[in-house]
């Protein structure tokens, strides 16, 4: 990395968010990370985690970078960038190699070869690999090995999670960022980045589901035994709640969004029928009294639907009701009052709204659930830097759990093809 500035760029459908953190290297160790600034601008040209208007997207990213540079007083030269959408897939893969040297000792290069074998097996046409996250290894007849380096054996098998994205989707994102004259250190899958910001080591070990409620998508990342078990992106988000209010209240999207943010509640039981609100106070042209309880019932119905879709994912991987650390909610949609109560009701698990513990000069922003992905990108970059120091040249990846989770060589060539 250039210098000691680590920057996360979250490309959301409703907002572009940047978090910048700084570290001062110590002797032989990497210093603690401190956030020195954050910025947020309205997102244009990005919809459902994809580029919908290239020039508008470039303008939005550039505006957020300019704002962030004014806040921190340091030029931003490179960023960690979130990547999401249904164009990204998460799959299991296995790679097997033979250890041919005389002493049969497994070395780091053997581990890397086994992981590369899994990567080659999982590579899909028109897709580029974003992350390779090793889960466990087998040496001969011994299974469930976390790190086989130094052990003896003839046959080494690696089980990994492969996260790959549609090539054109990655090209559009990287090209838009490069047009703003900054470099990309790494693309990071959005649900994993959000989890990185709010998930404790204990929760990751016990079993936890992190739900990132964005404007047009909902990201899911499920961890157990310090491993990524499952991740996915659903094409439903907080804007669907607003759209329901537009339809039922017969008002504009802007009025419905203001009402949702100011007086919305995901738990209708907490409100009385006597609680009223005037739509004119939120930008409507005419005065109209609306029951807040009715507004909450509309919101609650859609929130339940979103959570039920997540519950279907948990059932599919046989984790329904089986995650002791429960549910952690992030994203702008997680700020709705009463949403944790709905989550507990649907999942029958403990639920909370996640907040980052990153040291910061702007804690009110860093602890905002909407900034979770941007904060997670910074923490991912910090861990990558730390692992690089520890392994003296071996790729480090994030603390999600691998020695080799950097972007693939084909993906790096995509980056270079767009560099100005």
Protein backbone atom coordinates (compact mmCIF):
# COMPACT_ATOMS: atom_id res chain seq x y z
CA UNK A 1 0.00 0.00 0.00
CA UNK A 2 1.06 3.59 -0.62
CA UNK A 3 1.76 5.33 2.66
CA UNK A 4 -0.24 4.56 5.74
CA UNK A 5 -3.74 5.59 4.66
CA UNK A 6 -6.39 2.87 4.30
CA UNK A 7 -9.59 3.91 2.55
CA UNK A 8 -12.85 1.98 2.06
CA UNK A 9 -15.22 2.96 -0.77
CA UNK A 10 -18.75 1.57 -0.49
CA UNK A 11 -20.71 1.88 -3.73
CA UNK A 12 -24.32 1.80 -2.56
CA UNK A 13 -27.49 2.33 -4.57
CA UNK A 14 -28.68 5.21 -2.40
CA UNK A 15 -25.36 6.62 -1.17
CA UNK A 16 -21.62 6.47 -1.83
CA UNK A 17 -19.73 6.24 1.46
CA UNK A 18 -16.04 6.55 2.22
CA UNK A 19 -14.18 5.82 5.45
CA UNK A 20 -10.49 6.76 5.74
CA UNK A 21 -8.22 5.45 8.49
CA UNK A 22 -4.57 5.94 9.28
CA UNK A 23 -1.91 3.91 11.01
CA UNK A 24 1.64 4.67 12.07
CA UNK A 25 4.00 1.67 11.71
CA UNK A 26 5.84 0.58 14.82
CA UNK A 27 9.00 -1.46 15.10
CA UNK A 28 8.24 -4.85 13.60
CA UNK A 29 4.51 -4.49 14.12
CA UNK A 30 1.62 -2.66 12.56
CA UNK A 31 0.12 0.07 14.74
CA UNK A 32 -3.56 0.26 15.76
CA UNK A 33 -5.94 1.69 13.18
CA UNK A 34 -7.71 5.01 13.74
CA UNK A 35 -10.44 6.47 11.55
CA UNK A 36 -9.63 10.07 10.61
CA UNK A 37 -12.65 10.89 8.49
CA UNK A 38 -15.75 9.76 6.63
CA UNK A 39 -17.87 11.12 3.80
CA UNK A 40 -21.25 10.39 2.24
CA UNK A 41 -22.84 11.63 -0.98
CA UNK A 42 -25.98 10.73 -2.89
CA UNK A 43 -25.50 7.84 -5.28
CA UNK A 44 -26.39 8.33 -8.94
CA UNK A 45 -25.87 5.81 -11.70
CA UNK A 46 -25.76 2.76 -9.40
CA UNK A 47 -28.75 0.46 -8.96
CA UNK A 48 -28.95 -2.96 -7.33
CA UNK A 49 -25.17 -2.90 -6.80
CA UNK A 50 -24.55 -2.48 -10.55
CA UNK A 51 -23.62 0.44 -12.78
CA UNK A 52 -26.78 1.72 -14.48
CA UNK A 53 -25.35 5.00 -15.82
CA UNK A 54 -21.58 5.11 -16.17
CA UNK A 55 -21.04 8.88 -16.25
CA UNK A 56 -23.42 9.49 -13.34
CA UNK A 57 -21.64 6.82 -11.30
CA UNK A 58 -18.24 8.37 -12.00
CA UNK A 59 -19.54 11.80 -10.96
CA UNK A 60 -20.99 10.42 -7.70
CA UNK A 61 -17.79 8.57 -6.79
CA UNK A 62 -15.67 11.61 -7.64
CA UNK A 63 -17.86 13.90 -5.51
CA UNK A 64 -17.54 11.59 -2.51
CA UNK A 65 -13.76 11.32 -2.94
CA UNK A 66 -13.48 15.12 -3.11
CA UNK A 67 -15.54 15.50 0.05
CA UNK A 68 -13.47 12.88 1.86
CA UNK A 69 -10.19 14.54 0.86
CA UNK A 70 -11.43 17.87 2.20
CA UNK A 71 -12.35 16.20 5.49
CA UNK A 72 -9.07 14.33 6.03
CA UNK A 73 -6.74 16.83 4.34
CA UNK A 74 -4.81 14.05 2.56
CA UNK A 75 -5.02 13.02 -1.10
CA UNK A 76 -6.62 9.61 -1.62
CA UNK A 77 -4.57 7.50 -4.03
CA UNK A 78 -5.99 4.02 -3.56
CA UNK A 79 -9.11 2.39 -2.13
CA UNK A 80 -10.69 -0.89 -1.13
CA UNK A 81 -13.96 -1.12 -3.06
CA UNK A 82 -17.15 -3.02 -2.24
CA UNK A 83 -18.62 -5.33 -4.87
CA UNK A 84 -22.05 -6.90 -4.60
CA UNK A 85 -25.18 -7.81 -6.48
CA UNK A 86 -26.58 -11.02 -7.84
CA UNK A 87 -23.75 -11.07 -10.39
CA UNK A 88 -21.50 -12.37 -7.59
CA UNK A 89 -21.69 -16.05 -6.67
CA UNK A 90 -20.35 -17.98 -3.67
CA UNK A 91 -19.45 -21.63 -4.17
CA UNK A 92 -17.56 -24.47 -2.51
CA UNK A 93 -14.60 -26.02 -4.28
CA UNK A 94 -11.90 -28.64 -3.62
CA UNK A 95 -8.35 -28.94 -4.85
CA UNK A 96 -6.09 -32.00 -4.51
CA UNK A 97 -2.33 -32.25 -5.06
CA UNK A 98 0.41 -34.76 -4.38
CA UNK A 99 3.45 -34.05 -2.20
CA UNK A 100 6.34 -35.58 -4.14
CA UNK A 101 9.44 -34.54 -2.18
CA UNK A 102 11.36 -37.25 -0.34
CA UNK A 103 10.67 -36.08 3.22
CA UNK A 104 6.92 -35.69 2.44
CA UNK A 105 6.84 -32.45 4.44
CA UNK A 106 4.06 -30.07 3.40
CA UNK A 107 5.32 -26.56 2.78
CA UNK A 108 3.61 -23.23 2.20
CA UNK A 109 4.01 -23.59 -1.54
CA UNK A 110 2.17 -26.93 -1.37
CA UNK A 111 -0.72 -25.25 0.45
CA UNK A 112 -0.76 -22.56 -2.23
CA UNK A 113 -0.79 -25.18 -4.99
CA UNK A 114 -3.75 -26.99 -3.41
CA UNK A 115 -5.67 -23.73 -3.18
CA UNK A 116 -4.79 -22.90 -6.79
CA UNK A 117 -6.09 -26.34 -7.82
CA UNK A 118 -9.42 -25.53 -6.14
CA UNK A 119 -9.44 -22.13 -7.84
CA UNK A 120 -8.91 -23.72 -11.26
CA UNK A 121 -11.66 -26.27 -10.62
CA UNK A 122 -14.21 -23.58 -9.70
CA UNK A 123 -13.38 -21.03 -12.42
CA UNK A 124 -16.52 -20.32 -14.46
CA UNK A 125 -16.51 -18.86 -17.99
CA UNK A 126 -17.17 -15.10 -18.05
CA UNK A 127 -16.53 -14.87 -14.30
CA UNK A 128 -13.47 -13.61 -12.42
CA UNK A 129 -12.50 -14.80 -8.94
CA UNK A 130 -12.68 -12.11 -6.24
CA UNK A 131 -11.81 -14.16 -3.14
CA UNK A 132 -10.50 -17.62 -2.38
CA UNK A 133 -11.24 -18.36 1.28
CA UNK A 134 -9.71 -21.64 2.55
CA UNK A 135 -11.97 -23.50 4.99
CA UNK A 136 -10.03 -26.62 5.92
CA UNK A 137 -7.53 -29.15 4.63
CA UNK A 138 -7.09 -32.93 4.60
CA UNK A 139 -3.75 -34.71 4.70
CA UNK A 140 -4.00 -38.34 3.60
CA UNK A 141 -6.72 -39.75 5.89
CA UNK A 142 -6.65 -36.92 8.44
CA UNK A 143 -9.40 -34.33 7.89
CA UNK A 144 -10.46 -30.95 9.36
CA UNK A 145 -6.95 -29.46 9.45
CA UNK A 146 -6.74 -25.67 9.67
CA UNK A 147 -3.08 -25.25 8.62
CA UNK A 148 -1.23 -28.25 7.16
CA UNK A 149 2.14 -26.50 6.71
CA UNK A 150 4.87 -28.53 8.46
CA UNK A 151 2.86 -31.74 8.55
CA UNK A 152 3.86 -34.88 6.63
CA UNK A 153 1.77 -36.58 4.00
CA UNK A 154 1.45 -37.62 0.38
CA UNK A 155 -2.01 -36.28 -0.53
CA UNK A 156 -3.12 -32.74 0.33
CA UNK A 157 -6.70 -31.60 -0.23
CA UNK A 158 -7.99 -28.04 0.21
CA UNK A 159 -11.64 -27.09 0.76
CA UNK A 160 -12.31 -23.44 -0.09
CA UNK A 161 -15.04 -20.89 -0.65
CA UNK A 162 -14.79 -19.28 -4.07
CA UNK A 163 -16.38 -15.86 -4.50
CA UNK A 164 -16.48 -14.79 -8.15
CA UNK A 165 -18.21 -12.08 -10.12
CA UNK A 166 -19.42 -11.68 -13.67
CA UNK A 167 -16.52 -10.20 -15.66
CA UNK A 168 -18.47 -7.30 -17.17
CA UNK A 169 -19.90 -6.40 -13.76
CA UNK A 170 -16.39 -6.17 -12.31
CA UNK A 171 -15.11 -4.27 -15.35
CA UNK A 172 -17.83 -1.63 -15.07
CA UNK A 173 -17.17 -1.09 -11.35
CA UNK A 174 -13.38 -0.94 -11.73
CA UNK A 175 -13.54 1.30 -14.79
CA UNK A 176 -15.83 3.78 -12.98
CA UNK A 177 -13.45 3.96 -10.00
CA UNK A 178 -10.34 4.30 -12.17
CA UNK A 179 -11.95 7.21 -14.03
CA UNK A 180 -11.73 9.17 -10.76
CA UNK A 181 -7.90 8.80 -10.84
CA UNK A 182 -7.59 6.49 -7.83
CA UNK A 183 -6.23 2.94 -7.78
CA UNK A 184 -8.05 -0.14 -6.49
CA UNK A 185 -6.16 -2.22 -3.94
CA UNK A 186 -8.82 -4.94 -3.82
CA UNK A 187 -12.46 -5.61 -4.48
CA UNK A 188 -14.23 -7.02 -1.41
CA UNK A 189 -17.61 -8.75 -1.44
CA UNK A 190 -20.05 -6.39 0.31
CA UNK A 191 -21.75 -8.82 2.75
CA UNK A 192 -18.34 -9.96 4.01
CA UNK A 193 -17.13 -6.38 4.38
CA UNK A 194 -20.21 -5.45 6.43
CA UNK A 195 -19.67 -8.49 8.65
CA UNK A 196 -16.03 -7.54 9.12
CA UNK A 197 -17.10 -4.27 10.76
CA UNK A 198 -19.64 -5.57 13.28
CA UNK A 199 -18.86 -9.23 13.99
CA UNK A 200 -16.85 -10.20 17.06
CA UNK A 201 -14.45 -13.14 17.10
CA UNK A 202 -16.69 -14.93 19.57
CA UNK A 203 -19.78 -14.50 17.40
CA UNK A 204 -17.87 -15.70 14.35
CA UNK A 205 -16.87 -18.84 16.21
CA UNK A 206 -20.27 -19.58 17.78
CA UNK A 207 -22.33 -18.98 14.65
CA UNK A 208 -23.83 -15.70 13.44
CA UNK A 209 -25.78 -14.25 10.53
CA UNK A 210 -25.00 -10.68 9.48
CA UNK A 211 -27.79 -9.05 7.45
CA UNK A 212 -26.89 -5.87 5.56
CA UNK A 213 -30.12 -4.03 4.71
CA UNK A 214 -29.29 -1.73 1.82
CA UNK A 215 -31.58 0.40 -0.31
CA UNK A 216 -32.16 -2.07 -3.15
CA UNK A 217 -30.36 -5.22 -1.96
CA UNK A 218 -29.96 -7.23 1.23
CA UNK A 219 -26.62 -8.91 1.82
CA UNK A 220 -26.27 -12.04 3.95
CA UNK A 221 -23.09 -13.47 5.48
CA UNK A 222 -23.21 -16.50 7.79
CA UNK A 223 -20.25 -17.65 9.86
CA UNK A 224 -19.60 -20.63 12.09
CA UNK A 225 -16.40 -22.07 13.59
CA UNK A 226 -14.48 -19.04 12.28
CA UNK A 227 -15.45 -19.88 8.70
CA UNK A 228 -17.72 -18.34 6.10
CA UNK A 229 -20.56 -20.86 5.76
CA UNK A 230 -22.74 -18.99 3.28
CA UNK A 231 -23.15 -15.58 1.66
CA UNK A 232 -25.67 -14.18 -0.79
CA UNK A 233 -27.33 -11.01 -2.04
CA UNK A 234 -31.12 -10.67 -2.29
CA UNK A 235 -32.74 -8.18 -4.66
CA UNK A 236 -34.93 -6.60 -2.00
CA UNK A 237 -34.14 -3.74 0.35
CA UNK A 238 -35.28 -0.67 2.24
CA UNK A 239 -36.50 1.11 -0.92
CA UNK A 240 -39.15 -1.60 -1.23
CA UNK A 241 -40.49 -0.46 2.16
CA UNK A 242 -40.70 3.09 0.82
CA UNK A 243 -42.39 1.88 -2.36
CA UNK A 244 -45.05 0.14 -0.26
CA UNK A 245 -45.72 3.41 1.55
CA UNK A 246 -45.98 5.25 -1.79
CA UNK A 247 -48.63 2.79 -2.96
CA UNK A 248 -50.68 2.63 0.24
CA UNK A 249 -50.51 6.34 1.11
CA UNK A 250 -50.79 7.52 -2.53
CA UNK A 251 -47.93 9.94 -2.12
CA UNK A 252 -44.55 10.59 -3.73
CA UNK A 253 -41.42 8.54 -3.09
CA UNK A 254 -39.69 11.56 -1.51
CA UNK A 255 -42.53 12.13 0.98
CA UNK A 256 -42.72 8.44 1.84
CA UNK A 257 -38.95 8.25 2.37
CA UNK A 258 -38.93 11.28 4.69
CA UNK A 259 -41.85 9.85 6.66
CA UNK A 260 -40.17 6.45 6.94
CA UNK A 261 -36.90 7.95 8.19
CA UNK A 262 -38.52 10.37 10.64
CA UNK A 263 -41.48 8.42 12.06
CA UNK A 264 -41.22 4.89 10.67
CA UNK A 265 -41.40 1.89 12.98
CA UNK A 266 -41.08 -1.80 12.15
CA UNK A 267 -43.19 -2.91 15.10
CA UNK A 268 -46.79 -1.74 14.84
CA UNK A 269 -47.73 -3.05 18.31
CA UNK A 270 -45.67 -0.27 19.90
CA UNK A 271 -48.00 2.43 18.52
CA UNK A 272 -51.54 3.53 19.37
CA UNK A 273 -54.28 4.27 16.86
CA UNK A 274 -54.45 7.81 18.22
CA UNK A 275 -50.90 8.58 17.02
CA UNK A 276 -51.33 10.65 13.86
CA UNK A 277 -49.06 12.37 11.35
CA UNK A 278 -49.70 14.98 8.65
CA UNK A 279 -48.12 14.17 5.27
CA UNK A 280 -47.82 17.89 4.54
CA UNK A 281 -45.18 18.08 7.27
CA UNK A 282 -43.02 15.79 5.11
CA UNK A 283 -43.40 17.58 1.80
CA UNK A 284 -46.85 16.61 0.53
CA UNK A 285 -48.75 19.32 -1.33
CA UNK A 286 -51.94 18.90 0.68
CA UNK A 287 -52.66 18.14 4.30
CA UNK A 288 -53.63 14.55 5.11
CA UNK A 289 -53.77 12.89 8.52
CA UNK A 290 -52.40 9.35 8.62
CA UNK A 291 -52.30 6.87 11.49
CA UNK A 292 -48.70 6.09 12.44
CA UNK A 293 -49.85 2.61 13.40
CA UNK A 294 -51.00 2.04 9.82
CA UNK A 295 -47.64 3.27 8.52
CA UNK A 296 -45.90 0.86 10.89
CA UNK A 297 -48.09 -2.04 9.73
CA UNK A 298 -47.02 -1.43 6.13
CA UNK A 299 -43.36 -1.26 7.15
CA UNK A 300 -43.62 -4.33 9.37
CA UNK A 301 -45.12 -6.45 6.61
CA UNK A 302 -42.26 -5.71 4.22
CA UNK A 303 -39.58 -6.16 6.89
CA UNK A 304 -41.07 -9.55 7.75
CA UNK A 305 -40.96 -10.51 4.07
CA UNK A 306 -37.27 -9.57 3.82
CA UNK A 307 -36.43 -11.56 6.94
CA UNK A 308 -38.47 -14.53 5.73
CA UNK A 309 -36.36 -14.61 2.57
CA UNK A 310 -33.24 -14.67 4.74
CA UNK A 311 -34.79 -17.45 6.82
CA UNK A 312 -35.22 -19.45 3.61
CA UNK A 313 -31.46 -19.12 3.06
CA UNK A 314 -30.80 -20.35 6.59
CA UNK A 315 -33.07 -23.34 6.07
CA UNK A 316 -31.35 -24.16 2.80
CA UNK A 317 -27.98 -24.51 4.55
CA UNK A 318 -29.55 -26.15 7.63
CA UNK A 319 -28.78 -23.30 10.04
CA UNK A 320 -32.30 -22.14 10.87
CA UNK A 321 -32.48 -21.45 14.62
CA UNK A 322 -28.98 -22.88 15.06
CA UNK A 323 -26.78 -19.78 15.33
CA UNK A 324 -26.06 -19.08 19.03
CA UNK A 325 -24.73 -15.57 18.36
CA UNK A 326 -27.94 -14.76 16.53
CA UNK A 327 -28.60 -12.03 14.00
CA UNK A 328 -26.63 -8.80 13.52
CA UNK A 329 -28.32 -6.11 11.42
CA UNK A 330 -26.39 -3.49 9.45
CA UNK A 331 -27.06 -1.07 6.61
CA UNK A 332 -29.28 1.99 6.46
CA UNK A 333 -32.42 -0.13 6.76
CA UNK A 334 -31.27 -1.42 10.16
CA UNK A 335 -31.93 2.00 11.71
CA UNK A 336 -35.71 1.46 11.71
CA UNK A 337 -37.04 1.40 15.30
CA UNK A 338 -38.45 -1.98 16.26
CA UNK A 339 -36.57 -3.91 13.58
CA UNK A 340 -34.69 -6.08 16.07
CA UNK A 341 -37.99 -7.20 17.62
CA UNK A 342 -39.23 -8.31 14.20
CA UNK A 343 -35.95 -10.16 13.60
CA UNK A 344 -36.28 -12.04 16.91
CA UNK A 345 -39.84 -12.97 16.02
CA UNK A 346 -38.98 -14.32 12.56
CA UNK A 347 -35.66 -16.04 13.28
CA UNK A 348 -36.30 -17.15 16.89
CA UNK A 349 -32.74 -16.00 17.64
CA UNK A 350 -31.18 -13.06 19.50
CA UNK A 351 -30.92 -9.98 17.28
CA UNK A 352 -29.12 -6.65 17.52
CA UNK A 353 -28.04 -3.72 15.38
CA UNK A 354 -24.30 -3.91 14.72
CA UNK A 355 -21.85 -1.11 15.48
CA UNK A 356 -18.15 -0.90 14.75
CA UNK A 357 -15.64 -0.63 17.59
CA UNK A 358 -13.05 1.07 15.36
CA UNK A 359 -11.38 3.99 17.12
CA UNK A 360 -12.47 7.18 15.40
CA UNK A 361 -12.53 10.94 15.51
CA UNK A 362 -16.08 10.75 14.09
CA UNK A 363 -17.71 7.95 16.15
CA UNK A 364 -21.23 9.06 15.27
CA UNK A 365 -20.58 8.10 11.64
CA UNK A 366 -18.42 5.02 12.21
CA UNK A 367 -21.05 3.51 14.51
CA UNK A 368 -23.83 4.28 12.02
CA UNK A 369 -25.08 0.95 10.57
CA UNK A 370 -25.18 2.57 7.12
CA UNK A 371 -21.37 2.92 7.23
CA UNK A 372 -20.74 -0.72 8.20
CA UNK A 373 -19.57 -1.82 4.74
CA UNK A 374 -17.17 1.12 4.35
CA UNK A 375 -15.75 0.50 7.84
CA UNK A 376 -15.42 -3.21 7.07
CA UNK A 377 -13.44 -2.41 3.93
CA UNK A 378 -10.97 -0.44 6.02
CA UNK A 379 -10.65 -3.22 8.58
CA UNK A 380 -10.19 -5.77 5.77
CA UNK A 381 -7.36 -3.64 4.38
CA UNK A 382 -5.80 -3.27 7.81
CA UNK A 383 -5.82 -7.02 8.35
CA UNK A 384 -4.36 -7.59 4.88
CA UNK A 385 -1.50 -5.24 5.76
CA UNK A 386 -0.95 -7.00 9.08
CA UNK A 387 -0.95 -10.44 7.49
CA UNK A 388 1.49 -9.27 4.83
CA UNK A 389 3.88 -8.25 7.60
CA UNK A 390 3.44 -11.56 9.44
CA UNK A 391 3.81 -13.83 6.44
CA UNK A 392 6.62 -11.80 4.82
CA UNK A 393 5.22 -11.78 1.35
CA UNK A 394 2.41 -14.36 1.42
CA UNK A 395 -0.97 -12.80 0.59
CA UNK A 396 -2.96 -12.13 3.75
CA UNK A 397 -6.60 -11.44 2.93
CA UNK A 398 -9.01 -10.37 5.61
CA UNK A 399 -9.61 -11.85 9.00
CA UNK A 400 -12.55 -13.69 7.44
CA UNK A 401 -10.08 -16.49 7.37
CA UNK A 402 -7.42 -17.14 4.78
CA UNK A 403 -3.82 -16.87 3.78
CA UNK A 404 -4.77 -16.44 0.14
CA UNK A 405 -7.89 -14.29 -0.27
CA UNK A 406 -6.48 -11.58 -2.51
CA UNK A 407 -7.87 -10.97 -5.98
CA UNK A 408 -6.92 -13.52 -8.60
CA UNK A 409 -4.29 -12.77 -11.25
CA UNK A 410 -6.97 -12.46 -13.98
CA UNK A 411 -8.79 -9.89 -11.83
CA UNK A 412 -5.57 -7.95 -11.32
CA UNK A 413 -5.11 -7.85 -15.09
CA UNK A 414 -8.60 -6.35 -15.35
CA UNK A 415 -7.50 -3.62 -12.92
CA UNK A 416 -4.40 -2.86 -14.97
CA UNK A 417 -6.36 -2.65 -18.23
CA UNK A 418 -8.30 0.34 -16.85
CA UNK A 419 -5.44 2.17 -15.19
CA UNK A 420 -4.98 5.66 -16.68
